[in-house]
Amino acid sequence: MSHNLVRWANQHPGDHRPFWWRHGHPTRSITFLLAIYCILVICPPPKKLSLKTGIDLGDTAIVLGLIGFIFAFIPFLRILGIVVAAVGLILGIITVRRKKPKSDRMTPPAVAVVLSVVALIVGTAMTSTTSETPKPVADTSAISESLSPKPTDTAPDAPTAVEASDFKPTVSAPVTADITALALLKTLPVKGNAPKTGYDRVGNFGAPWTDIDHNGCDTRNDILARDLEPEAKNGECTVTSGTLNDPYTGKTIQFVRGETTSLAVQIDHVVPLLNAWQSGAQQLTQAQRVTLANDPINLFAVDGPTNAQKGAGNAATWLPPNKTFRCTYVARQVSVKATYGLWVTQAERDESEKILTGCPDEKATPSAFAPTPTPHVPSTPTPPPAQPEPAPAQPEPAPAQPEPAPKAPPAGSVNYRSCADARAAGAAPLHRGDPGYSQKLDRDGDGIACEK
């Protein structure tokens, strides 16, 4: 139910106030004044026209009308001014009805009525100018994505992103397990954020949780299975429960799959997709962006409310509350941006350097799904082939030698398409250096593949 409310709020971000209040200040003012007039016509005025203190109600009405008129022009006193003007209007009308004017000159109660009416019109008009200004809708893509792999929010009118099929990420150093995150950070370009123009979660990065490793399970369940310990499944893929040692807060969270309980654990993009869009992902191909959105090195299962607080922030605007995890978090952001050829802002670079300086040995994390970017090396012209020398006289053929026995295939030629094949062959788990080990099978990059 909460998921449906979030989706409805995103699709209907307009004003949902009552009809009479929503359609501009003239309707509000006239309705308010007519209500007061009707009340005064029905209710007879009091016989005594002065307060117990001896202050004349006509003088009180004009003072209240003047105060309401002044307050109507002061933003933080505008509502109070409308209330004061309404009281002044009521007192003024009561006084006018009880006291017949003896001359053509306006009496103080009449002046009070005029001032109060003007104050009410001005106050409600200025209130409408501020209250009807659309407010930005909070980004709830992290919540909606955590519930279902189906797309929830689309922007059909968004401009189509520029495709560049021959684009390749270019950084000055490849992302390998041997390079430190601090050294890798120094290779990233520093630029300002690009505009948000054209950003569309589904249109630019594909439907949430695409199965990019083709193991039959969506990415969300893959990450839950990786980060929850132990986890329970319904079938081969769907994770139904488990325990999360949340890296962002340090808390232990019990995950139970359900329409409302699933929000307790969400899958966070370490580099938020909006931030990626503003730091170079606009130049990636659609396939590269889909890979970025589902690459395990860019995903953590984390505490839901903490993930919602992060939004689309980078290292300069948001870091995990758990300070012991900040080195790993920043190193992972740097690894993702380097892998996909994204840039950082100056403030982001400064904050990342500050964090990584405290852990200079923190390693970068390579991706098993994106090609490792390499520096561009200009091609050199190939020299023309040398003229062949005349062949020497052929010697008499030697007697035919027996054909050598076939050699056993080298260890490195063993290749398992999936962990299922490795388990069927009895080779799982695979350690780095074992025949058949590959980074594709080792999703968490710990050097042990197909351990589950």
Protein backbone atom coordinates (compact mmCIF):
# COMPACT_ATOMS: atom_id res chain seq x y z
CA MET A 1 0.00 0.00 0.00
CA SER A 2 2.79 2.44 0.89
CA HIS A 3 4.43 1.67 -2.44
CA ASN A 4 1.21 2.60 -4.25
CA LEU A 5 0.98 5.88 -2.31
CA VAL A 6 4.56 6.76 -3.22
CA ARG A 7 3.91 6.05 -6.90
CA TRP A 8 0.61 8.05 -6.84
CA ALA A 9 2.34 11.05 -5.22
CA ASN A 10 5.03 11.03 -7.91
CA GLN A 11 2.47 10.86 -10.72
CA HIS A 12 0.22 13.55 -9.18
CA PRO A 13 2.58 16.20 -7.77
CA GLY A 14 -0.01 19.00 -8.06
CA ASP A 15 -2.01 20.86 -5.43
CA HIS A 16 -4.63 18.72 -3.67
CA ARG A 17 -6.34 21.43 -1.59
CA PRO A 18 -10.15 21.87 -1.61
CA PHE A 19 -11.74 23.27 -4.76
CA TRP A 20 -12.81 26.59 -3.26
CA TRP A 21 -9.33 27.21 -1.83
CA ARG A 22 -7.37 26.02 -4.87
CA HIS A 23 -8.82 28.27 -7.57
CA GLY A 24 -7.21 31.60 -6.84
CA HIS A 25 -7.48 34.41 -4.31
CA PRO A 26 -10.69 36.13 -5.65
CA THR A 27 -12.75 33.04 -4.87
CA ARG A 28 -11.20 32.73 -1.43
CA SER A 29 -11.74 36.39 -0.55
CA ILE A 30 -15.34 36.53 -1.77
CA THR A 31 -16.21 33.25 -0.02
CA PHE A 32 -14.68 34.48 3.23
CA LEU A 33 -16.47 37.84 3.13
CA LEU A 34 -19.82 36.28 2.20
CA ALA A 35 -19.52 33.88 5.13
CA ILE A 36 -18.93 36.75 7.56
CA TYR A 37 -21.80 38.75 6.07
CA CYS A 38 -24.22 35.84 6.34
CA ILE A 39 -23.28 35.26 9.99
CA LEU A 40 -23.86 38.92 10.86
CA VAL A 41 -27.20 39.06 9.04
CA ILE A 42 -28.48 36.02 10.92
CA CYS A 43 -27.07 37.01 14.33
CA PRO A 44 -28.43 40.27 15.82
CA PRO A 45 -25.82 42.79 17.04
CA PRO A 46 -25.29 43.19 20.79
CA LYS A 47 -27.01 46.02 22.57
CA LYS A 48 -23.87 47.18 24.32
CA LEU A 49 -21.33 48.65 21.95
CA SER A 50 -18.37 49.09 24.30
CA LEU A 51 -16.04 46.79 26.08
CA LYS A 52 -16.05 46.51 29.85
CA THR A 53 -12.96 48.68 29.90
CA GLY A 54 -14.85 51.52 28.31
CA ILE A 55 -13.06 51.29 24.95
CA ASP A 56 -15.43 52.04 22.09
CA LEU A 57 -15.95 49.11 19.70
CA GLY A 58 -15.75 51.44 16.71
CA ASP A 59 -12.29 52.61 17.74
CA THR A 60 -11.26 49.00 18.43
CA ALA A 61 -12.48 47.96 14.98
CA ILE A 62 -10.47 50.64 13.18
CA VAL A 63 -7.32 49.74 15.16
CA LEU A 64 -7.73 46.04 14.33
CA GLY A 65 -8.41 46.86 10.67
CA LEU A 66 -5.25 48.99 10.50
CA ILE A 67 -3.14 46.28 12.18
CA GLY A 68 -4.52 43.64 9.80
CA PHE A 69 -3.79 45.88 6.81
CA ILE A 70 -0.14 46.34 7.91
CA PHE A 71 0.38 42.66 8.77
CA ALA A 72 -0.97 41.64 5.35
CA PHE A 73 2.27 42.93 3.78
CA ILE A 74 4.59 41.08 6.20
CA PRO A 75 5.10 37.44 5.09
CA PHE A 76 5.54 35.80 8.49
CA LEU A 77 2.63 37.84 9.99
CA ARG A 78 0.28 37.54 7.02
CA ILE A 79 -1.96 34.81 8.48
CA LEU A 80 -2.20 36.71 11.78
CA GLY A 81 -3.08 39.84 9.82
CA ILE A 82 -5.94 38.04 8.07
CA VAL A 83 -7.33 36.90 11.44
CA VAL A 84 -7.01 40.37 12.99
CA ALA A 85 -8.63 41.97 9.93
CA ALA A 86 -11.50 39.50 10.14
CA VAL A 87 -12.13 40.41 13.78
CA GLY A 88 -11.95 44.11 12.90
CA LEU A 89 -14.41 43.57 10.06
CA ILE A 90 -16.90 41.85 12.35
CA LEU A 91 -16.66 44.59 14.99
CA GLY A 92 -16.90 47.29 12.34
CA ILE A 93 -20.05 45.84 10.77
CA ILE A 94 -21.69 45.38 14.16
CA THR A 95 -20.93 49.00 15.10
CA VAL A 96 -22.16 50.37 11.77
CA ARG A 97 -25.44 48.51 12.15
CA ARG A 98 -26.05 49.83 15.67
CA LYS A 99 -24.90 53.41 15.15
CA LYS A 100 -26.65 55.40 12.45
CA PRO A 101 -24.31 57.95 10.85
CA LYS A 102 -25.36 61.57 11.58
CA SER A 103 -23.48 63.02 8.59
CA ASP A 104 -22.16 62.01 5.19
CA ARG A 105 -18.61 61.66 6.54
CA MET A 106 -17.25 58.16 7.08
CA THR A 107 -17.40 57.10 10.70
CA PRO A 108 -14.56 55.14 12.39
CA PRO A 109 -16.52 51.87 12.13
CA ALA A 110 -16.98 52.41 8.39
CA VAL A 111 -13.27 53.11 8.01
CA ALA A 112 -12.57 49.93 9.98
CA VAL A 113 -14.77 47.92 7.63
CA VAL A 114 -12.97 49.29 4.57
CA LEU A 115 -9.50 48.67 6.04
CA SER A 116 -10.44 45.16 7.13
CA VAL A 117 -11.85 44.26 3.71
CA VAL A 118 -8.71 45.56 1.97
CA ALA A 119 -6.49 43.71 4.45
CA LEU A 120 -8.37 40.45 3.85
CA ILE A 121 -8.15 40.77 0.06
CA VAL A 122 -4.45 41.71 0.12
CA GLY A 123 -3.58 39.02 2.67
CA THR A 124 -5.35 36.21 0.87
CA ALA A 125 -3.98 37.35 -2.49
CA MET A 126 -0.38 37.31 -1.28
CA THR A 127 -0.93 34.01 0.51
CA SER A 128 -2.10 32.45 -2.73
CA THR A 129 1.03 33.62 -4.53
CA THR A 130 3.25 31.65 -2.18
CA SER A 131 1.02 28.69 -1.35
CA GLU A 132 0.25 27.82 -4.98
CA THR A 133 3.89 27.70 -6.08
CA PRO A 134 4.66 24.06 -6.98
CA LYS A 135 7.07 22.37 -4.63
CA PRO A 136 9.63 19.86 -5.85
CA VAL A 137 8.64 16.26 -5.33
CA ALA A 138 11.09 14.15 -3.34
CA ASP A 139 13.02 11.54 -5.29
CA THR A 140 11.58 8.17 -4.19
CA SER A 141 13.18 6.06 -6.90
CA ALA A 142 15.25 4.20 -4.30
CA ILE A 143 12.05 3.18 -2.44
CA SER A 144 10.12 2.21 -5.55
CA GLU A 145 13.02 0.25 -7.01
CA SER A 146 13.51 -1.69 -3.78
CA LEU A 147 9.99 -3.13 -3.97
CA SER A 148 9.73 -4.40 -7.52
CA PRO A 149 11.87 -4.99 -10.58
CA LYS A 150 9.15 -3.44 -12.71
CA PRO A 151 9.47 0.20 -13.80
CA THR A 152 7.33 2.57 -11.75
CA ASP A 153 8.17 6.13 -12.75
CA THR A 154 8.60 7.14 -16.34
CA ALA A 155 9.11 10.43 -18.11
CA PRO A 156 7.68 9.97 -21.60
CA ASP A 157 8.35 13.54 -22.61
CA ALA A 158 12.01 13.51 -21.59
CA PRO A 159 14.51 14.09 -24.41
CA THR A 160 16.24 10.99 -25.68
CA ALA A 161 19.79 10.61 -24.39
CA VAL A 162 22.61 10.94 -26.88
CA GLU A 163 23.84 7.53 -27.94
CA ALA A 164 27.49 6.96 -28.80
CA SER A 165 28.01 3.38 -29.82
CA ASP A 166 31.76 3.83 -30.22
CA PHE A 167 32.22 5.56 -26.85
CA LYS A 168 34.72 3.95 -24.52
CA PRO A 169 35.46 5.08 -20.96
CA THR A 170 38.86 6.78 -20.89
CA VAL A 171 40.87 7.08 -17.69
CA SER A 172 44.59 7.30 -17.23
CA ALA A 173 44.82 4.03 -15.26
CA PRO A 174 42.84 0.77 -15.58
CA VAL A 175 40.80 -0.39 -12.59
CA THR A 176 42.55 -3.46 -11.21
CA ALA A 177 42.61 -5.12 -7.81
CA ASP A 178 46.23 -4.00 -7.36
CA ILE A 179 45.70 -0.24 -7.59
CA THR A 180 44.72 1.76 -4.50
CA ALA A 181 41.57 3.84 -4.50
CA LEU A 182 43.60 6.93 -3.59
CA ALA A 183 45.84 6.51 -6.64
CA LEU A 184 42.82 5.85 -8.84
CA LEU A 185 41.07 8.98 -7.54
CA LYS A 186 43.92 11.14 -8.82
CA THR A 187 43.28 9.92 -12.36
CA LEU A 188 39.61 11.00 -12.46
CA PRO A 189 38.73 14.20 -14.36
CA VAL A 190 37.40 17.11 -12.28
CA LYS A 191 34.39 18.96 -13.71
CA GLY A 192 31.16 20.55 -12.58
CA ASN A 193 27.87 18.67 -12.60
CA ALA A 194 26.11 18.52 -15.96
CA PRO A 195 22.40 19.55 -16.12
CA LYS A 196 19.69 17.08 -15.13
CA THR A 197 18.03 17.67 -18.51
CA GLY A 198 16.75 14.46 -20.07
CA TYR A 199 17.21 12.27 -16.98
CA ASP A 200 14.79 9.35 -16.93
CA ARG A 201 15.47 6.40 -14.63
CA VAL A 202 13.84 3.79 -16.86
CA GLY A 203 14.47 5.46 -20.21
CA ASN A 204 18.20 6.03 -19.56
CA PHE A 205 19.16 3.10 -17.31
CA GLY A 206 16.60 0.44 -18.17
CA ALA A 207 14.01 -1.32 -16.02
CA PRO A 208 15.22 -1.75 -12.43
CA TRP A 209 17.20 -4.85 -11.57
CA THR A 210 17.86 -6.27 -15.03
CA ASP A 211 19.48 -9.71 -15.00
CA ILE A 212 22.78 -8.69 -16.58
CA ASP A 213 24.65 -11.86 -15.59
CA HIS A 214 21.93 -14.08 -17.15
CA ASN A 215 21.73 -16.39 -14.16
CA GLY A 216 17.92 -16.30 -14.17
CA CYS A 217 17.65 -14.06 -11.07
CA ASP A 218 17.07 -10.29 -11.04
CA THR A 219 19.82 -8.08 -9.66
CA ARG A 220 17.96 -7.16 -6.47
CA ASN A 221 17.69 -10.78 -5.39
CA ASP A 222 21.32 -11.37 -6.40
CA ILE A 223 22.47 -8.57 -4.08
CA LEU A 224 20.20 -9.69 -1.24
CA ALA A 225 21.59 -13.21 -1.56
CA ARG A 226 25.12 -11.78 -1.53
CA ASP A 227 24.73 -9.38 1.43
CA LEU A 228 22.27 -11.20 3.74
CA GLU A 229 23.70 -13.93 5.93
CA PRO A 230 22.08 -16.34 6.24
CA GLU A 231 19.30 -15.91 3.70
CA ALA A 232 16.21 -17.97 2.96
CA LYS A 233 14.87 -18.36 -0.58
CA ASN A 234 11.64 -19.31 -2.23
CA GLY A 235 12.89 -21.26 -5.22
CA GLU A 236 16.21 -20.53 -6.88
CA CYS A 237 16.09 -16.72 -6.76
CA THR A 238 13.54 -15.00 -4.51
CA VAL A 239 15.08 -14.08 -1.15
CA THR A 240 12.34 -14.17 1.48
CA SER A 241 14.25 -13.42 4.68
CA GLY A 242 17.70 -12.97 6.13
CA THR A 243 19.93 -10.95 8.43
CA LEU A 244 21.73 -7.82 7.20
CA ASN A 245 24.75 -6.39 8.96
CA ASP A 246 24.06 -2.93 7.58
CA PRO A 247 27.32 -1.32 6.42
CA TYR A 248 25.88 2.22 6.48
CA THR A 249 24.73 2.25 10.12
CA GLY A 250 26.41 -0.75 11.71
CA LYS A 251 23.01 -2.07 12.82
CA THR A 252 21.70 -5.63 12.44
CA ILE A 253 18.46 -5.69 10.44
CA GLN A 254 16.12 -8.65 10.07
CA PHE A 255 14.80 -8.68 6.52
CA VAL A 256 11.39 -10.22 5.80
CA ARG A 257 10.01 -9.98 2.29
CA GLY A 258 6.59 -8.32 2.18
CA GLU A 259 4.59 -5.42 0.75
CA THR A 260 5.62 -3.12 3.61
CA THR A 261 8.49 -4.96 5.31
CA SER A 262 10.69 -5.06 2.20
CA LEU A 263 11.34 -1.34 2.65
CA ALA A 264 13.48 -2.09 5.70
CA VAL A 265 16.29 -3.25 3.38
CA GLN A 266 16.90 -1.42 0.11
CA ILE A 267 19.50 -1.78 -2.62
CA ASP A 268 21.57 1.39 -2.85
CA HIS A 269 23.46 2.59 -5.90
CA VAL A 270 26.82 3.64 -4.48
CA VAL A 271 27.06 6.15 -7.32
CA PRO A 272 23.42 7.30 -7.61
CA LEU A 273 22.07 7.11 -11.14
CA LEU A 274 21.17 10.80 -11.21
CA ASN A 275 24.69 11.66 -10.09
CA ALA A 276 26.08 9.33 -12.76
CA TRP A 277 23.90 11.08 -15.37
CA GLN A 278 25.31 14.45 -14.30
CA SER A 279 28.92 13.24 -14.30
CA GLY A 280 29.29 11.66 -17.72
CA ALA A 281 26.77 8.83 -18.11
CA GLN A 282 24.93 10.88 -20.75
CA GLN A 283 27.77 9.95 -23.11
CA LEU A 284 27.51 6.21 -22.44
CA THR A 285 25.49 3.87 -24.63
CA GLN A 286 22.19 2.52 -23.37
CA ALA A 287 23.75 -0.92 -22.80
CA GLN A 288 26.60 0.61 -20.77
CA ARG A 289 24.15 2.57 -18.61
CA VAL A 290 22.06 -0.55 -17.96
CA THR A 291 25.23 -2.34 -16.88
CA LEU A 292 26.18 0.56 -14.62
CA ALA A 293 22.75 0.45 -12.95
CA ASN A 294 23.05 -3.30 -12.23
CA ASP A 295 26.80 -3.79 -11.72
CA PRO A 296 27.34 -5.48 -8.32
CA ILE A 297 30.29 -3.19 -7.51
CA ASN A 298 27.82 -0.26 -7.54
CA LEU A 299 25.26 -1.92 -5.25
CA PHE A 300 24.90 -2.54 -1.51
CA ALA A 301 21.98 -3.90 0.49
CA VAL A 302 21.49 -1.26 3.20
CA ASP A 303 19.13 0.19 5.78
CA GLY A 304 16.09 1.63 3.96
CA PRO A 305 15.62 4.95 5.84
CA THR A 306 19.34 5.73 5.62
CA ASN A 307 19.30 5.09 1.88
CA ALA A 308 16.34 7.47 1.51
CA GLN A 309 18.30 10.20 3.32
CA LYS A 310 21.22 9.82 0.91
CA GLY A 311 19.20 10.69 -2.20
CA ALA A 312 21.49 11.45 -5.13
CA GLY A 313 24.37 12.77 -3.04
CA ASN A 314 28.05 12.25 -3.77
CA ALA A 315 30.91 11.99 -1.27
CA ALA A 316 30.89 15.78 -0.77
CA THR A 317 27.24 15.87 0.34
CA TRP A 318 26.65 12.49 2.01
CA LEU A 319 28.69 9.81 3.74
CA PRO A 320 27.51 6.74 5.72
CA PRO A 321 26.89 7.42 9.43
CA ASN A 322 29.09 4.39 10.17
CA LYS A 323 32.52 6.04 10.00
CA THR A 324 34.36 2.71 9.90
CA PHE A 325 32.77 1.99 6.52
CA ARG A 326 33.53 5.34 4.87
CA CYS A 327 36.86 4.21 3.37
CA THR A 328 35.20 1.23 1.67
CA TYR A 329 32.27 3.38 0.53
CA VAL A 330 34.41 6.13 -1.02
CA ALA A 331 36.78 3.59 -2.58
CA ARG A 332 33.80 1.90 -4.21
CA GLN A 333 32.49 5.23 -5.56
CA VAL A 334 35.91 5.96 -7.07
CA SER A 335 36.07 2.46 -8.59
CA VAL A 336 32.66 2.82 -10.23
CA LYS A 337 33.39 6.26 -11.64
CA ALA A 338 36.75 5.15 -13.00
CA THR A 339 35.30 1.99 -14.56
CA TYR A 340 32.58 3.87 -16.43
CA GLY A 341 34.61 6.97 -17.34
CA LEU A 342 32.70 9.38 -15.05
CA TRP A 343 34.11 12.51 -13.49
CA VAL A 344 34.02 14.06 -10.01
CA THR A 345 33.40 17.60 -8.83
CA GLN A 346 36.14 19.51 -7.04
CA ALA A 347 34.34 19.29 -3.70
CA GLU A 348 33.75 15.57 -4.23
CA ARG A 349 37.39 14.98 -5.06
CA ASP A 350 38.57 16.93 -2.00
CA GLU A 351 36.29 15.03 0.39
CA SER A 352 37.18 11.66 -1.19
CA GLU A 353 40.88 12.42 -0.91
CA LYS A 354 40.41 13.42 2.73
CA ILE A 355 38.73 10.09 3.52
CA LEU A 356 41.12 7.89 1.51
CA THR A 357 44.20 9.60 2.95
CA GLY A 358 43.23 8.00 6.25
CA CYS A 359 43.31 4.55 4.61
CA PRO A 360 45.93 4.80 1.84
CA ASP A 361 46.06 1.01 1.34
CA GLU A 362 42.34 0.68 0.52
CA LYS A 363 42.16 -1.11 -2.84
CA ALA A 364 39.96 -0.31 -5.79
CA THR A 365 37.31 -2.84 -6.86
CA PRO A 366 37.34 -3.96 -10.51
CA SER A 367 34.11 -4.86 -12.29
CA ALA A 368 33.48 -8.26 -13.84
CA PHE A 369 30.85 -6.83 -16.19
CA ALA A 370 32.28 -3.63 -17.66
CA PRO A 371 35.37 -3.73 -19.94
CA THR A 372 38.48 -2.41 -18.27
CA PRO A 373 39.23 1.01 -19.80
CA THR A 374 42.70 1.46 -21.20
CA PRO A 375 44.58 4.54 -22.39
CA HIS A 376 44.29 5.38 -26.05
CA VAL A 377 47.49 4.55 -27.94
CA PRO A 378 47.79 6.12 -31.40
CA SER A 379 48.42 3.61 -34.15
CA THR A 380 51.71 3.69 -36.06
CA PRO A 381 51.96 3.01 -39.79
CA THR A 382 52.94 -0.55 -40.65
CA PRO A 383 56.20 -0.75 -42.65
CA PRO A 384 55.92 -2.41 -46.06
CA PRO A 385 56.83 -6.10 -46.02
CA ALA A 386 60.39 -6.99 -47.03
CA GLN A 387 60.93 -8.72 -50.34
CA PRO A 388 61.29 -12.48 -49.82
CA GLU A 389 64.71 -14.00 -50.58
CA PRO A 390 64.83 -16.82 -53.10
CA ALA A 391 64.09 -20.11 -51.46
CA PRO A 392 67.10 -22.47 -51.04
CA ALA A 393 67.16 -25.85 -52.71
CA GLN A 394 64.82 -28.27 -51.02
CA PRO A 395 66.63 -31.15 -49.22
CA GLU A 396 65.50 -34.66 -49.69
CA PRO A 397 62.50 -35.40 -47.51
CA ALA A 398 63.26 -37.11 -44.22
CA PRO A 399 61.37 -40.23 -43.28
CA ALA A 400 57.96 -39.48 -41.83
CA GLN A 401 57.99 -39.10 -38.07
CA PRO A 402 55.15 -40.56 -36.00
CA GLU A 403 52.54 -37.97 -35.02
CA PRO A 404 53.01 -36.71 -31.45
CA ALA A 405 50.44 -37.68 -28.87
CA PRO A 406 47.83 -34.96 -28.25
CA LYS A 407 48.71 -32.66 -25.39
CA ALA A 408 46.44 -32.20 -22.44
CA PRO A 409 44.68 -28.85 -22.49
CA PRO A 410 46.33 -26.26 -20.26
CA ALA A 411 44.67 -25.47 -16.97
CA GLY A 412 43.70 -21.99 -18.08
CA SER A 413 41.55 -23.36 -20.95
CA VAL A 414 38.86 -24.64 -18.60
CA ASN A 415 35.91 -22.24 -18.85
CA TYR A 416 32.67 -22.51 -16.95
CA ARG A 417 29.79 -20.44 -18.27
CA SER A 418 28.12 -20.29 -14.87
CA CYS A 419 28.49 -21.51 -11.33
CA ALA A 420 25.96 -24.22 -12.12
CA ASP A 421 28.41 -25.69 -14.66
CA ALA A 422 31.23 -25.50 -12.13
CA ARG A 423 29.16 -27.29 -9.51
CA ALA A 424 28.08 -29.93 -12.03
CA ALA A 425 31.76 -30.60 -12.78
CA GLY A 426 32.51 -30.84 -9.05
CA ALA A 427 34.95 -27.93 -9.22
CA ALA A 428 33.12 -25.43 -6.99
CA PRO A 429 34.18 -23.42 -5.10
CA LEU A 430 36.86 -21.93 -7.36
CA HIS A 431 39.78 -19.96 -5.93
CA ARG A 432 41.75 -17.32 -7.79
CA GLY A 433 44.33 -19.26 -9.84
CA ASP A 434 42.25 -22.44 -10.05
CA PRO A 435 41.32 -23.78 -13.50
CA GLY A 436 38.06 -22.19 -14.61
CA TYR A 437 38.16 -19.26 -12.13
CA SER A 438 37.02 -15.93 -13.59
CA GLN A 439 35.95 -12.56 -12.23
CA LYS A 440 32.55 -13.07 -13.83
CA LEU A 441 31.87 -15.95 -11.43
CA ASP A 442 33.37 -14.09 -8.44
CA ARG A 443 30.75 -11.35 -8.05
CA ASP A 444 31.88 -10.01 -4.70
CA GLY A 445 35.54 -9.92 -5.74
CA ASP A 446 36.83 -11.84 -2.69
CA GLY A 447 38.89 -14.28 -4.76
CA ILE A 448 36.49 -17.20 -4.26
CA ALA A 449 33.92 -17.93 -6.95
CA CYS A 450 30.77 -20.04 -6.69
CA GLU A 451 31.12 -20.39 -2.93
CA LYS A 452 27.34 -20.62 -2.48
